[in-house]
Each structure stands twice: as structure tokens, then as C-alpha cells.
Amino acid sequence: MVMKMNIIDLLLITVTMFSLSAGQILFKITAQNINGNLINLLTSRIFFIALFIYGITTVLWLYVLTRIPLYKAYPFYGMSFIIIPFFSYIYLKEPVYINTFIGGILIIAGIYITVGVK
């Protein structure tokens, strides 16, 4: 079964990847705030927001998979290796190195080659 991806499909995948990345940033903020304490985790609003985002994103991903074969959709997960360092730099003040940009370019090229977006 060959299915051609359209702009809606690409938009849905992009929203999914950005949502997953936002969830990861919220998980990191949670980890920084709980000090290894389970009670702090279970009372953290940020943690539950992250879980909510992941839940909604999972439903969105399932919808994406009704429209696109997995072999075409899954390579886009590589976008998270670009989005998360960008978010980490902005929201967590973590450093980003030139290798991140070089790797990002290679990931984008890999997605393009793998999926063959036309």
C-alpha cells in the first residue's frame, strides 16, 4: 500500500513531534523540582500536565497512523532530536553545541531520504 503524504499529514506529524518534545521539557522540569521524592512527584502539577500532553499526543499519533503507514510516519520522530535541544536551550538554559546543528541537518536529510516527501 503506497500512500502519498499531504500537507495535513505533515502538519499532524509536526504537531505530534512538538507536543512530545514539550512533554519531555516538562518531565525534565519535574525531575529538577521533585528532588527524588515520590510525594513531590505525585503532587507536581507540571508532571500531570506533561502526562496529559503525552496522552493527547498519543491519541493524535494514533490518528496519524490511520492516515499514514508507520514506515513513513516514524522517521519523523527524529525531529525530536532537533526540537528538544532547541527547547532545552530556551526553557532550561542548557547549552547547545555546533554538533547539535550538524546532527539536525543530517536528521532532516535522513527523513527526506527515508520518507521521500514529494
C-alpha atoms as a PDB file:
ATOM      1  CA  MET A   1       0.000   0.000   0.000  1.00  0.00           C
ATOM      2  CA  VAL A   2       1.583   3.278  -1.132  1.00  0.00           C
ATOM      3  CA  MET A   3       0.081   6.390   0.381  1.00  0.00           C
ATOM      4  CA  LYS A   4       1.184   9.863  -0.508  1.00  0.00           C
ATOM      5  CA  MET A   5       1.644  12.283   2.378  1.00  0.00           C
ATOM      6  CA  ASN A   6      -0.014  15.655   2.056  1.00  0.00           C
ATOM      7  CA  ILE A   7       0.357  18.950   3.924  1.00  0.00           C
ATOM      8  CA  ILE A   8      -2.243  17.923   6.535  1.00  0.00           C
ATOM      9  CA  ASP A   9      -0.286  14.742   7.279  1.00  0.00           C
ATOM     10  CA  LEU A  10       2.942  16.702   7.647  1.00  0.00           C
ATOM     11  CA  LEU A  11       1.204  19.226   9.903  1.00  0.00           C
ATOM     12  CA  LEU A  12      -0.228  16.464  12.115  1.00  0.00           C
ATOM     13  CA  ILE A  13       3.173  14.792  12.431  1.00  0.00           C
ATOM     14  CA  THR A  14       4.847  18.120  13.204  1.00  0.00           C
ATOM     15  CA  VAL A  15       2.294  18.947  15.920  1.00  0.00           C
ATOM     16  CA  THR A  16       2.838  15.459  17.353  1.00  0.00           C
ATOM     17  CA  MET A  17       6.615  15.888  17.472  1.00  0.00           C
ATOM     18  CA  PHE A  18       6.404  19.358  19.035  1.00  0.00           C
ATOM     19  CA  SER A  19       3.921  18.082  21.628  1.00  0.00           C
ATOM     20  CA  LEU A  20       6.141  15.130  22.557  1.00  0.00           C
ATOM     21  CA  SER A  21       9.098  17.481  22.847  1.00  0.00           C
ATOM     22  CA  ALA A  22       7.147  19.865  25.075  1.00  0.00           C
ATOM     23  CA  GLY A  23       6.235  16.902  27.269  1.00  0.00           C
ATOM     24  CA  GLN A  24       9.910  15.974  27.582  1.00  0.00           C
ATOM     25  CA  ILE A  25      10.802  19.504  28.685  1.00  0.00           C
ATOM     26  CA  LEU A  26       8.039  19.366  31.299  1.00  0.00           C
ATOM     27  CA  PHE A  27       9.324  15.975  32.502  1.00  0.00           C
ATOM     28  CA  LYS A  28      12.810  17.476  32.874  1.00  0.00           C
ATOM     29  CA  ILE A  29      11.420  20.441  34.839  1.00  0.00           C
ATOM     30  CA  THR A  30       9.543  17.962  37.030  1.00  0.00           C
ATOM     31  CA  ALA A  31      12.723  15.947  37.599  1.00  0.00           C
ATOM     32  CA  GLN A  32      14.562  19.108  38.656  1.00  0.00           C
ATOM     33  CA  ASN A  33      11.799  20.061  41.102  1.00  0.00           C
ATOM     34  CA  ILE A  34      10.993  16.785  42.875  1.00  0.00           C
ATOM     35  CA  ASN A  35      14.397  16.110  44.489  1.00  0.00           C
ATOM     36  CA  GLY A  36      13.888  12.365  44.078  1.00  0.00           C
ATOM     37  CA  ASN A  37      10.813  12.435  46.304  1.00  0.00           C
ATOM     38  CA  LEU A  38       7.777  10.398  45.218  1.00  0.00           C
ATOM     39  CA  ILE A  39       5.364  12.645  47.137  1.00  0.00           C
ATOM     40  CA  ASN A  40       6.746  15.690  45.320  1.00  0.00           C
ATOM     41  CA  LEU A  41       6.250  13.842  42.026  1.00  0.00           C
ATOM     42  CA  LEU A  42       2.661  12.873  42.800  1.00  0.00           C
ATOM     43  CA  THR A  43       1.798  16.438  43.801  1.00  0.00           C
ATOM     44  CA  SER A  44       3.546  18.128  40.872  1.00  0.00           C
ATOM     45  CA  ARG A  45       1.176  19.977  38.522  1.00  0.00           C
ATOM     46  CA  ILE A  46       3.880  20.116  35.885  1.00  0.00           C
ATOM     47  CA  PHE A  47       4.181  16.323  35.947  1.00  0.00           C
ATOM     48  CA  PHE A  48       0.445  15.869  35.392  1.00  0.00           C
ATOM     49  CA  ILE A  49       0.427  18.467  32.624  1.00  0.00           C
ATOM     50  CA  ALA A  50       3.238  16.523  30.942  1.00  0.00           C
ATOM     51  CA  LEU A  51       1.252  13.281  31.284  1.00  0.00           C
ATOM     52  CA  PHE A  52      -1.832  14.992  29.856  1.00  0.00           C
ATOM     53  CA  ILE A  53       0.173  16.277  26.881  1.00  0.00           C
ATOM     54  CA  TYR A  54       1.570  12.783  26.322  1.00  0.00           C
ATOM     55  CA  GLY A  55      -1.926  11.273  26.487  1.00  0.00           C
ATOM     56  CA  ILE A  56      -3.379  13.719  23.967  1.00  0.00           C
ATOM     57  CA  THR A  57      -0.318  13.320  21.767  1.00  0.00           C
ATOM     58  CA  THR A  58      -0.688   9.539  21.828  1.00  0.00           C
ATOM     59  CA  VAL A  59      -4.258   9.884  20.561  1.00  0.00           C
ATOM     60  CA  LEU A  60      -3.036  12.276  17.853  1.00  0.00           C
ATOM     61  CA  TRP A  61      -0.283   9.810  16.884  1.00  0.00           C
ATOM     62  CA  LEU A  62      -2.861   7.036  16.559  1.00  0.00           C
ATOM     63  CA  TYR A  63      -4.868   9.284  14.252  1.00  0.00           C
ATOM     64  CA  VAL A  64      -1.726   9.975  12.203  1.00  0.00           C
ATOM     65  CA  LEU A  65      -1.209   6.215  11.864  1.00  0.00           C
ATOM     66  CA  THR A  66      -4.720   5.839  10.440  1.00  0.00           C
ATOM     67  CA  ARG A  67      -3.668   8.179   7.633  1.00  0.00           C
ATOM     68  CA  ILE A  68      -0.033   7.228   7.024  1.00  0.00           C
ATOM     69  CA  PRO A  69       1.884   3.941   7.049  1.00  0.00           C
ATOM     70  CA  LEU A  70       4.177   3.572  10.055  1.00  0.00           C
ATOM     71  CA  TYR A  71       7.277   3.277   7.869  1.00  0.00           C
ATOM     72  CA  LYS A  72       6.566   6.792   6.545  1.00  0.00           C
ATOM     73  CA  ALA A  73       5.457   8.375   9.822  1.00  0.00           C
ATOM     74  CA  TYR A  74       8.027   7.016  12.254  1.00  0.00           C
ATOM     75  CA  PRO A  75      11.175   8.596  10.774  1.00  0.00           C
ATOM     76  CA  PHE A  76       9.734  11.969  11.754  1.00  0.00           C
ATOM     77  CA  TYR A  77      10.426  11.031  15.377  1.00  0.00           C
ATOM     78  CA  GLY A  78      13.963  12.110  14.503  1.00  0.00           C
ATOM     79  CA  MET A  79      12.687  15.685  14.607  1.00  0.00           C
ATOM     80  CA  SER A  80      12.631  15.393  18.389  1.00  0.00           C
ATOM     81  CA  PHE A  81      16.449  15.274  18.325  1.00  0.00           C
ATOM     82  CA  ILE A  82      16.286  18.789  16.880  1.00  0.00           C
ATOM     83  CA  ILE A  83      13.299  20.208  18.751  1.00  0.00           C
ATOM     84  CA  ILE A  84      14.279  19.089  22.258  1.00  0.00           C
ATOM     85  CA  PRO A  85      17.743  20.713  22.275  1.00  0.00           C
ATOM     86  CA  PHE A  86      16.141  23.919  20.976  1.00  0.00           C
ATOM     87  CA  PHE A  87      13.502  23.846  23.741  1.00  0.00           C
ATOM     88  CA  SER A  88      16.177  22.862  26.296  1.00  0.00           C
ATOM     89  CA  TYR A  89      18.216  25.892  25.356  1.00  0.00           C
ATOM     90  CA  ILE A  90      15.240  28.260  25.632  1.00  0.00           C
ATOM     91  CA  TYR A  91      13.441  26.881  28.684  1.00  0.00           C
ATOM     92  CA  LEU A  92      16.166  25.094  30.652  1.00  0.00           C
ATOM     93  CA  LYS A  93      19.152  27.248  29.687  1.00  0.00           C
ATOM     94  CA  GLU A  94      21.056  24.127  28.645  1.00  0.00           C
ATOM     95  CA  PRO A  95      23.897  24.599  26.169  1.00  0.00           C
ATOM     96  CA  VAL A  96      23.560  23.696  22.509  1.00  0.00           C
ATOM     97  CA  TYR A  97      26.672  22.863  20.533  1.00  0.00           C
ATOM     98  CA  ILE A  98      27.528  23.038  16.841  1.00  0.00           C
ATOM     99  CA  ASN A  99      27.337  19.219  16.708  1.00  0.00           C
ATOM    100  CA  THR A 100      23.631  19.537  17.506  1.00  0.00           C
ATOM    101  CA  PHE A 101      23.098  21.694  14.412  1.00  0.00           C
ATOM    102  CA  ILE A 102      25.176  19.405  12.209  1.00  0.00           C
ATOM    103  CA  GLY A 103      23.290  16.369  13.518  1.00  0.00           C
ATOM    104  CA  GLY A 104      19.999  18.182  12.938  1.00  0.00           C
ATOM    105  CA  ILE A 105      20.861  18.800   9.306  1.00  0.00           C
ATOM    106  CA  LEU A 106      21.737  15.124   8.879  1.00  0.00           C
ATOM    107  CA  ILE A 107      18.484  14.071  10.563  1.00  0.00           C
ATOM    108  CA  ILE A 108      16.410  16.296   8.271  1.00  0.00           C
ATOM    109  CA  ALA A 109      18.260  14.887   5.269  1.00  0.00           C
ATOM    110  CA  GLY A 110      17.652  11.352   6.581  1.00  0.00           C
ATOM    111  CA  ILE A 111      13.938  11.992   6.998  1.00  0.00           C
ATOM    112  CA  TYR A 112      13.746  13.403   3.491  1.00  0.00           C
ATOM    113  CA  ILE A 113      15.649  10.437   2.033  1.00  0.00           C
ATOM    114  CA  THR A 114      13.720   7.843   4.051  1.00  0.00           C
ATOM    115  CA  VAL A 115      10.239   9.194   3.560  1.00  0.00           C
ATOM    116  CA  GLY A 116      10.726  10.739   0.147  1.00  0.00           C
ATOM    117  CA  VAL A 117       8.393  13.659   0.755  1.00  0.00           C
ATOM    118  CA  LYS A 118       7.275  14.940  -2.630  1.00  0.00           C
END
